[in-house]
Amino acid sequence: MTEELAASIALMPFAGRLGMKLEEAGPDRVIATLDWDPELCTTAGIMHGGALMTLADTAGALVAFLGLPEGSTTATISSTTQMFRPVSAGTVRAEALPLHRGRTVVTVQTSLRDSQDRLVAQTTQIQAVRPGRS
């Protein structure tokens, strides 16, 4: 992870605490990863859905933020996740793509894949665009 990507994670302390890493971050795509860890699991060594949803929310918020006008910020106002398969080892890779950039909202879709490139979950979120103060 480059220093610039590490600095982006540092802006989101919770993401760093969970161990998320950025592979790529730009206004058109964010790639983030999260390694399986027993402390991120529920019973039977299955990665907690909340950890997966946090990965998706973080990647989605970042791709939304990176495409905003200078000085603007964003906040998640809606997030829907479908879970397709459990994760019990390896690394989960999130790919967040903006589907629509409007004046007041950004819609993002984030796909989570396991180490075998199988779809684990998919999240669609809507981010409010909060203009900068004049």
Protein backbone atom coordinates (compact mmCIF):
# COMPACT_ATOMS: atom_id res chain seq x y z
CA MET A 1 0.00 0.00 0.00
CA THR A 2 1.44 3.38 -1.00
CA GLU A 3 1.80 6.25 1.45
CA GLU A 4 -1.09 8.06 -0.26
CA LEU A 5 -3.40 5.05 0.14
CA ALA A 6 -2.28 4.57 3.75
CA ALA A 7 -3.12 8.24 4.40
CA SER A 8 -6.63 7.66 3.01
CA ILE A 9 -7.19 4.80 5.46
CA ALA A 10 -5.79 6.96 8.27
CA LEU A 11 -8.65 9.43 7.63
CA MET A 12 -11.04 6.61 8.65
CA PRO A 13 -9.66 5.28 11.97
CA PHE A 14 -12.30 2.54 12.30
CA ALA A 15 -11.30 1.09 8.92
CA GLY A 16 -7.67 1.08 9.98
CA ARG A 17 -8.51 -0.56 13.28
CA LEU A 18 -10.25 -3.42 11.46
CA GLY A 19 -7.18 -3.88 9.27
CA MET A 20 -8.54 -2.66 5.93
CA LYS A 21 -6.04 -1.92 3.20
CA LEU A 22 -6.44 0.05 -0.01
CA GLU A 23 -5.09 -1.26 -3.29
CA GLU A 24 -6.53 1.53 -5.43
CA ALA A 25 -8.46 4.71 -4.72
CA GLY A 26 -9.83 7.15 -7.26
CA PRO A 27 -13.12 8.82 -8.20
CA ASP A 28 -14.05 5.99 -10.60
CA ARG A 29 -13.05 2.95 -8.53
CA VAL A 30 -11.87 1.97 -5.07
CA ILE A 31 -10.37 -1.43 -4.28
CA ALA A 32 -10.07 -2.29 -0.58
CA THR A 33 -9.27 -5.55 1.20
CA LEU A 34 -9.88 -7.09 4.59
CA ASP A 35 -8.12 -10.22 5.79
CA TRP A 36 -10.04 -12.91 7.65
CA ASP A 37 -9.19 -12.74 11.34
CA PRO A 38 -10.71 -14.75 14.20
CA GLU A 39 -11.46 -11.47 16.00
CA LEU A 40 -13.71 -10.42 13.09
CA CYS A 41 -15.81 -13.60 13.28
CA THR A 42 -19.05 -14.92 14.67
CA THR A 43 -19.46 -18.59 15.56
CA ALA A 44 -17.69 -21.32 13.61
CA GLY A 45 -15.02 -18.93 12.32
CA ILE A 46 -17.32 -17.11 9.88
CA MET A 47 -16.44 -13.46 9.20
CA HIS A 48 -19.07 -11.24 10.82
CA GLY A 49 -21.53 -9.62 8.42
CA GLY A 50 -20.87 -6.29 10.12
CA ALA A 51 -17.19 -6.52 9.18
CA LEU A 52 -18.16 -7.21 5.56
CA MET A 53 -20.66 -4.36 5.56
CA THR A 54 -18.05 -2.03 7.06
CA LEU A 55 -15.64 -2.93 4.26
CA ALA A 56 -18.32 -2.18 1.65
CA ASP A 57 -19.41 1.06 3.33
CA THR A 58 -15.84 2.30 3.65
CA ALA A 59 -14.95 1.57 0.02
CA GLY A 60 -18.25 3.04 -1.20
CA ALA A 61 -17.92 6.20 0.87
CA LEU A 62 -14.37 6.71 -0.35
CA VAL A 63 -15.22 6.39 -4.05
CA ALA A 64 -18.13 8.80 -3.52
CA PHE A 65 -15.91 11.27 -1.63
CA LEU A 66 -13.09 11.20 -4.19
CA GLY A 67 -15.48 12.31 -6.94
CA LEU A 68 -16.91 15.29 -5.06
CA PRO A 69 -16.21 18.95 -5.76
CA GLU A 70 -13.42 20.48 -3.69
CA GLY A 71 -14.50 21.12 -0.10
CA SER A 72 -17.61 18.92 -0.22
CA THR A 73 -18.12 15.91 2.03
CA THR A 74 -20.41 12.91 1.94
CA ALA A 75 -22.47 10.85 4.36
CA THR A 76 -24.19 7.49 3.88
CA ILE A 77 -27.97 7.92 3.90
CA SER A 78 -28.96 4.45 2.67
CA SER A 79 -27.16 1.12 2.44
CA THR A 80 -28.50 -2.27 1.39
CA THR A 81 -26.38 -5.42 1.47
CA GLN A 82 -27.15 -8.88 0.14
CA MET A 83 -25.00 -11.67 1.57
CA PHE A 84 -24.35 -14.65 -0.70
CA ARG A 85 -21.73 -16.84 0.96
CA PRO A 86 -19.75 -17.07 4.20
CA VAL A 87 -16.07 -16.19 4.51
CA SER A 88 -14.03 -18.49 6.74
CA ALA A 89 -10.48 -17.79 5.51
CA GLY A 90 -8.43 -15.64 3.17
CA THR A 91 -8.99 -12.06 2.10
CA VAL A 92 -12.15 -10.25 1.05
CA ARG A 93 -11.71 -7.78 -1.81
CA ALA A 94 -14.16 -4.90 -2.25
CA GLU A 95 -14.61 -3.09 -5.55
CA ALA A 96 -16.67 0.10 -5.26
CA LEU A 97 -17.97 1.81 -8.39
CA PRO A 98 -20.12 4.93 -8.68
CA LEU A 99 -23.36 4.15 -10.53
CA HIS A 100 -24.69 7.72 -10.53
CA ARG A 101 -23.27 11.07 -9.49
CA GLY A 102 -25.94 13.68 -8.96
CA ARG A 103 -25.90 17.16 -7.52
CA THR A 104 -27.19 16.03 -4.11
CA VAL A 105 -26.56 12.27 -3.99
CA VAL A 106 -24.09 9.67 -5.26
CA THR A 107 -25.16 6.04 -5.74
CA VAL A 108 -22.41 3.45 -5.34
CA GLN A 109 -22.32 -0.32 -5.82
CA THR A 110 -19.69 -2.36 -3.99
CA SER A 111 -19.03 -6.02 -4.76
CA LEU A 112 -17.21 -8.17 -2.18
CA ARG A 113 -15.30 -11.22 -3.41
CA ASP A 114 -13.41 -13.92 -1.52
CA SER A 115 -9.92 -15.24 -2.24
CA GLN A 116 -11.37 -17.55 -4.91
CA ASP A 117 -13.03 -14.56 -6.63
CA ARG A 118 -16.53 -15.74 -5.62
CA LEU A 119 -19.14 -13.09 -4.94
CA VAL A 120 -19.61 -12.90 -1.15
CA ALA A 121 -21.88 -9.87 -0.88
CA GLN A 122 -23.07 -6.84 -2.78
CA THR A 123 -23.92 -3.45 -1.34
CA THR A 124 -25.73 -0.52 -2.92
CA GLN A 125 -25.52 2.71 -1.01
CA ILE A 126 -26.64 6.27 -1.46
CA GLN A 127 -24.33 9.00 -0.25
CA ALA A 128 -25.58 12.52 0.44
CA VAL A 129 -23.42 15.25 -1.04
CA ARG A 130 -22.74 17.88 1.60
CA PRO A 131 -21.45 21.08 -0.02
CA GLY A 132 -18.48 22.84 1.48
CA ARG A 133 -19.02 26.00 3.46
CA SER A 134 -18.45 29.25 1.65
